[in-house]
């Protein structure tokens, strides 16, 4: 038997007639005229192939089939209304949600300060913060899984497709293990650092950082050696602490490193690394505007 041609309007009309036991009273409640309402009920019974009402008295009463259909129709309408309510609520929640990708270095200073300003602009917003590499942020932003990103990146070509705002810049320092001869110097010449075994984060995942460090070391030692790569900064810190080499850190990471390593300025002082916020050009929502605005305010401080 083919599926009956029944829509939600049929269900609402049927329930109104069943509750009022009258076409005329149901029509007044529904703000429709009686003839179309009567026609809808007859069409519904035709589609179902059963009578839903007894018509042997002025008052319409339900048949046994009508009682069953009333119970089921109410459940269908209730589920539909719940679906509409949940969908609208989800839509409103999505409008008030900001998904932020950020690097580990940015989470130490820039991100908390930006979020403080953003909170004042949009106290109702829900935040999703994800610590990621810059390459992972770019991919997630392309897929629509992030709304805005914050990272340390000096290669503008990597971000050509996005709107980019530079908001800060971090200096670079060198970390050596406790007791290392270079640790006795107040400032470490780049030519001396370039002769040491280097511990780094992954050259695949942190391409720009490694290119930045290589550009500093290669003029002093073209054959400088990266002896270990780790996927996170804490792995690099542990390896240096164990005496396996030296490493280069953004100066903002000093509080994270604490007294585990000796941190020293480099000579000559390297160019500062840009901290940038970026987002898709076609996805500038109110919350993204607020985040970027808070980030620009950070730059002015």
Protein backbone atom coordinates (compact mmCIF):
# COMPACT_ATOMS: atom_id res chain seq x y z
CA UNK A 1 0.00 0.00 0.00
CA UNK A 2 1.52 3.39 -0.96
CA UNK A 3 2.38 5.85 1.77
CA UNK A 4 -0.56 8.15 2.54
CA UNK A 5 -0.31 11.78 1.48
CA UNK A 6 -0.65 13.27 4.96
CA UNK A 7 1.12 16.36 6.31
CA UNK A 8 1.30 18.12 9.66
CA UNK A 9 -1.64 20.37 8.78
CA UNK A 10 -3.89 17.31 8.55
CA UNK A 11 -2.78 16.25 12.03
CA UNK A 12 -3.36 19.66 13.57
CA UNK A 13 -6.82 19.96 11.99
CA UNK A 14 -7.78 16.46 13.09
CA UNK A 15 -6.69 17.03 16.70
CA UNK A 16 -8.59 20.33 16.88
CA UNK A 17 -11.81 18.71 15.63
CA UNK A 18 -11.34 15.76 18.00
CA UNK A 19 -10.83 18.05 20.99
CA UNK A 20 -13.77 20.34 20.18
CA UNK A 21 -16.02 17.50 18.88
CA UNK A 22 -17.25 19.99 16.30
CA UNK A 23 -16.15 21.25 12.88
CA UNK A 24 -17.50 24.75 13.55
CA UNK A 25 -15.81 25.18 16.94
CA UNK A 26 -12.53 23.78 15.60
CA UNK A 27 -12.71 26.13 12.61
CA UNK A 28 -13.06 29.14 14.91
CA UNK A 29 -10.07 28.01 16.97
CA UNK A 30 -7.97 27.44 13.85
CA UNK A 31 -9.15 30.67 12.18
CA UNK A 32 -10.26 28.86 9.04
CA UNK A 33 -13.65 28.49 7.42
CA UNK A 34 -15.69 25.31 7.90
CA UNK A 35 -15.79 23.95 4.31
CA UNK A 36 -11.98 23.69 3.89
CA UNK A 37 -11.68 22.14 7.35
CA UNK A 38 -14.36 19.54 6.57
CA UNK A 39 -12.61 18.79 3.29
CA UNK A 40 -9.27 18.28 5.05
CA UNK A 41 -10.81 15.80 7.50
CA UNK A 42 -12.50 13.85 4.66
CA UNK A 43 -9.20 13.81 2.73
CA UNK A 44 -7.42 12.49 5.83
CA UNK A 45 -9.92 9.66 6.25
CA UNK A 46 -9.65 8.84 2.55
CA UNK A 47 -5.88 8.65 2.75
CA UNK A 48 -6.03 6.41 5.83
CA UNK A 49 -8.86 4.29 4.45
CA UNK A 50 -10.80 4.38 7.74
CA UNK A 51 -13.41 6.57 9.40
CA UNK A 52 -12.01 8.66 12.26
CA UNK A 53 -15.32 10.17 13.46
CA UNK A 54 -18.83 8.94 14.06
CA UNK A 55 -21.28 11.26 12.37
CA UNK A 56 -24.56 9.82 13.71
CA UNK A 57 -25.11 12.69 16.17
CA UNK A 58 -24.56 16.47 16.28
CA UNK A 59 -21.47 15.87 18.37
CA UNK A 60 -18.54 14.33 16.53
CA UNK A 61 -16.99 11.45 18.47
CA UNK A 62 -13.96 9.38 17.65
CA UNK A 63 -14.12 5.85 16.31
CA UNK A 64 -11.74 3.27 17.76
CA UNK A 65 -9.39 4.01 14.85
CA UNK A 66 -9.78 7.73 15.58
CA UNK A 67 -8.75 7.24 19.24
CA UNK A 68 -5.57 5.45 18.13
CA UNK A 69 -4.81 8.07 15.49
CA UNK A 70 -5.34 10.91 17.97
CA UNK A 71 -2.84 9.41 20.40
CA UNK A 72 -0.23 8.83 17.70
CA UNK A 73 -0.82 12.18 15.98
CA UNK A 74 -0.22 14.03 19.24
CA UNK A 75 3.09 12.21 19.68
CA UNK A 76 4.12 13.08 16.12
CA UNK A 77 3.31 16.76 16.63
CA UNK A 78 5.06 16.83 19.98
CA UNK A 79 8.19 15.30 18.46
CA UNK A 80 8.08 17.76 15.58
CA UNK A 81 7.72 20.74 17.92
CA UNK A 82 10.60 19.43 20.03
CA UNK A 83 12.70 19.09 16.88
CA UNK A 84 11.91 22.67 15.87
CA UNK A 85 12.72 23.98 19.36
CA UNK A 86 15.97 22.03 19.59
CA UNK A 87 17.04 23.13 16.11
CA UNK A 88 16.38 26.78 16.90
CA UNK A 89 18.20 26.49 20.21
CA UNK A 90 21.16 24.86 18.50
CA UNK A 91 21.19 27.61 15.88
CA UNK A 92 21.18 30.30 18.53
CA UNK A 93 23.94 28.52 20.45
CA UNK A 94 26.04 28.29 17.27
CA UNK A 95 25.62 32.03 16.76
CA UNK A 96 26.97 32.61 20.29
CA UNK A 97 29.88 30.15 19.94
CA UNK A 98 33.38 31.15 18.91
CA UNK A 99 35.87 28.43 17.99
CA UNK A 100 39.44 29.66 18.45
CA UNK A 101 42.57 27.87 17.29
CA UNK A 102 45.75 29.02 19.03
CA UNK A 103 49.38 28.04 19.38
CA UNK A 104 50.85 26.98 22.69
CA UNK A 105 53.09 30.06 22.83
CA UNK A 106 50.13 32.41 22.32
CA UNK A 107 48.21 30.77 25.16
CA UNK A 108 50.78 32.04 27.66
CA UNK A 109 50.16 35.77 27.26
CA UNK A 110 48.36 37.03 24.15
CA UNK A 111 45.33 34.75 24.35
CA UNK A 112 44.39 35.48 28.00
CA UNK A 113 44.64 39.22 27.38
CA UNK A 114 42.54 39.03 24.22
CA UNK A 115 39.91 36.89 25.94
CA UNK A 116 39.69 39.41 28.78
CA UNK A 117 38.81 42.15 26.29
CA UNK A 118 36.50 39.85 24.32
CA UNK A 119 34.62 38.89 27.49
CA UNK A 120 33.72 42.55 28.07
CA UNK A 121 32.33 42.82 24.52
CA UNK A 122 30.47 39.51 24.44
CA UNK A 123 29.89 38.11 27.94
CA UNK A 124 27.22 35.76 26.54
CA UNK A 125 29.55 34.03 24.08
CA UNK A 126 30.68 30.43 24.52
CA UNK A 127 34.30 29.74 23.65
CA UNK A 128 35.95 26.62 22.27
CA UNK A 129 39.74 26.91 22.58
CA UNK A 130 41.95 24.45 20.69
CA UNK A 131 45.75 24.33 20.97
CA UNK A 132 47.06 23.50 17.49
CA UNK A 133 49.95 23.96 15.10
CA UNK A 134 49.62 26.72 12.52
CA UNK A 135 49.27 24.17 9.71
CA UNK A 136 46.46 22.42 11.58
CA UNK A 137 44.73 25.77 12.14
CA UNK A 138 44.88 26.56 8.42
CA UNK A 139 43.31 23.21 7.53
CA UNK A 140 40.59 23.51 10.19
CA UNK A 141 39.77 27.06 9.13
CA UNK A 142 39.40 25.95 5.52
CA UNK A 143 37.01 23.17 6.58
CA UNK A 144 34.91 25.57 8.64
CA UNK A 145 35.86 23.89 11.93
CA UNK A 146 37.36 27.08 13.40
CA UNK A 147 36.23 30.70 13.32
CA UNK A 148 39.45 32.56 14.12
CA UNK A 149 43.09 31.68 14.85
CA UNK A 150 45.97 33.11 16.85
CA UNK A 151 49.55 32.06 16.25
CA UNK A 152 53.19 33.07 15.80
CA UNK A 153 53.89 33.08 12.08
CA UNK A 154 56.17 35.25 9.98
CA UNK A 155 55.50 33.74 6.56
CA UNK A 156 52.66 35.74 5.02
CA UNK A 157 52.46 33.39 2.03
CA UNK A 158 51.14 30.63 4.31
CA UNK A 159 48.19 32.85 5.19
CA UNK A 160 47.55 34.58 1.85
CA UNK A 161 44.00 33.29 1.59
CA UNK A 162 43.00 34.72 4.99
CA UNK A 163 42.54 38.12 6.56
CA UNK A 164 45.59 38.61 8.78
CA UNK A 165 46.25 41.16 11.53
CA UNK A 166 49.61 41.41 13.30
CA UNK A 167 48.97 42.20 16.96
CA UNK A 168 52.25 41.59 18.78
CA UNK A 169 55.76 40.20 18.37
CA UNK A 170 57.83 37.81 20.45
CA UNK A 171 61.58 37.84 20.94
CA UNK A 172 63.74 34.72 20.69
CA UNK A 173 66.00 33.43 23.47
CA UNK A 174 68.19 30.36 23.77
CA UNK A 175 67.75 27.73 26.48
CA UNK A 176 70.66 25.67 27.73
CA UNK A 177 70.77 23.03 30.48
CA UNK A 178 71.90 23.89 33.99
CA UNK A 179 75.72 23.74 34.21
CA UNK A 180 76.26 24.29 30.46
CA UNK A 181 79.36 26.45 29.73
CA UNK A 182 77.28 28.88 27.64
CA UNK A 183 75.04 29.45 30.64
CA UNK A 184 77.85 31.44 32.28
CA UNK A 185 77.49 34.16 29.64
CA UNK A 186 75.01 37.00 30.04
CA UNK A 187 74.34 36.96 26.29
CA UNK A 188 75.15 34.09 23.94
CA UNK A 189 76.54 34.89 20.48
CA UNK A 190 74.63 33.25 17.66
CA UNK A 191 77.93 31.89 16.27
CA UNK A 192 78.43 29.92 19.50
CA UNK A 193 74.84 28.70 19.67
CA UNK A 194 75.04 27.56 16.04
CA UNK A 195 77.79 25.08 16.94
CA UNK A 196 75.65 23.30 19.56
CA UNK A 197 73.31 20.34 18.92
CA UNK A 198 69.80 21.76 18.58
CA UNK A 199 66.55 20.32 19.95
CA UNK A 200 63.49 21.47 18.01
CA UNK A 201 59.80 20.94 17.50
CA UNK A 202 58.81 18.94 14.42
CA UNK A 203 60.05 20.42 11.16
CA UNK A 204 56.95 19.06 9.43
CA UNK A 205 54.36 20.53 11.80
CA UNK A 206 56.25 23.72 12.75
CA UNK A 207 57.72 24.63 9.39
CA UNK A 208 57.85 28.40 9.83
CA UNK A 209 59.50 28.26 13.27
CA UNK A 210 62.22 25.93 11.98
CA UNK A 211 62.82 28.11 8.91
CA UNK A 212 63.10 31.12 11.22
CA UNK A 213 65.69 29.42 13.44
CA UNK A 214 67.59 28.04 10.44
CA UNK A 215 67.86 31.52 8.92
CA UNK A 216 69.50 32.69 12.15
CA UNK A 217 71.95 29.81 12.53
CA UNK A 218 72.95 28.99 8.95
CA UNK A 219 75.03 32.15 8.36
CA UNK A 220 77.17 31.19 11.39
CA UNK A 221 77.22 27.43 10.75
CA UNK A 222 75.74 26.13 7.46
CA UNK A 223 75.95 22.58 8.82
CA UNK A 224 74.25 23.26 12.17
CA UNK A 225 72.58 20.11 13.47
CA UNK A 226 69.05 19.45 14.71
CA UNK A 227 69.61 16.26 16.69
CA UNK A 228 66.05 15.72 17.98
CA UNK A 229 62.51 16.78 17.06
CA UNK A 230 59.49 16.72 19.38
CA UNK A 231 55.82 17.37 18.74
CA UNK A 232 55.40 19.72 21.72
CA UNK A 233 57.41 22.38 23.50
CA UNK A 234 57.36 20.45 26.78
CA UNK A 235 59.22 17.60 25.07
CA UNK A 236 61.86 20.06 23.86
CA UNK A 237 62.23 21.50 27.37
CA UNK A 238 62.66 18.02 28.86
CA UNK A 239 65.29 17.07 26.29
CA UNK A 240 67.31 20.23 26.91
CA UNK A 241 66.98 19.79 30.68
CA UNK A 242 68.44 16.29 30.25
CA UNK A 243 71.50 17.79 28.53
CA UNK A 244 70.77 16.49 25.04
CA UNK A 245 71.22 19.87 23.35
CA UNK A 246 70.08 23.49 23.35
CA UNK A 247 66.87 25.00 22.04
CA UNK A 248 65.40 28.32 20.97
CA UNK A 249 62.24 29.62 22.61
CA UNK A 250 60.01 32.64 22.29
CA UNK A 251 60.68 34.90 25.25
CA UNK A 252 57.05 34.63 26.40
CA UNK A 253 57.74 31.01 27.33
CA UNK A 254 60.08 31.96 30.18
CA UNK A 255 57.33 31.53 32.78
CA UNK A 256 56.59 28.04 31.43
CA UNK A 257 60.25 27.03 31.54
CA UNK A 258 60.92 28.49 34.98
CA UNK A 259 64.21 27.35 36.49
CA UNK A 260 64.41 24.12 34.54
CA UNK A 261 66.74 25.74 31.97
CA UNK A 262 69.05 28.72 31.73
CA UNK A 263 67.59 31.27 29.31
CA UNK A 264 69.86 33.83 27.68
CA UNK A 265 69.52 36.62 25.14
CA UNK A 266 71.19 36.10 21.75
CA UNK A 267 73.71 38.36 20.02
CA UNK A 268 72.96 39.86 17.64
CA UNK A 269 69.36 40.15 18.79
CA UNK A 270 67.16 38.22 16.29
CA UNK A 271 64.19 39.91 14.60
CA UNK A 272 61.04 39.57 16.66
CA UNK A 273 58.51 36.97 15.51
CA UNK A 274 55.06 38.32 14.57
CA UNK A 275 52.00 37.24 16.54
CA UNK A 276 49.01 37.26 14.19
CA UNK A 277 45.27 36.71 14.31
CA UNK A 278 43.68 35.42 11.11
CA UNK A 279 40.29 34.28 9.81
CA UNK A 280 38.47 33.50 6.59
CA UNK A 281 37.52 36.56 4.58
CA UNK A 282 33.99 35.25 4.00
CA UNK A 283 33.32 34.36 7.67
CA UNK A 284 33.44 37.65 9.55
CA UNK A 285 30.73 37.11 12.17
CA UNK A 286 29.93 39.45 15.03
CA UNK A 287 31.97 37.30 17.44
CA UNK A 288 34.95 37.12 15.08
CA UNK A 289 34.81 40.92 14.79
CA UNK A 290 34.81 41.13 18.58
CA UNK A 291 37.81 38.81 18.92
CA UNK A 292 39.79 40.68 16.26
CA UNK A 293 38.84 43.98 17.89
CA UNK A 294 40.11 42.77 21.26
CA UNK A 295 43.31 41.57 19.57
CA UNK A 296 43.86 44.95 17.90
CA UNK A 297 43.39 46.63 21.28
CA UNK A 298 46.16 44.38 22.61
CA UNK A 299 48.47 45.79 19.92
CA UNK A 300 47.88 49.35 21.10
CA UNK A 301 48.94 48.55 24.70
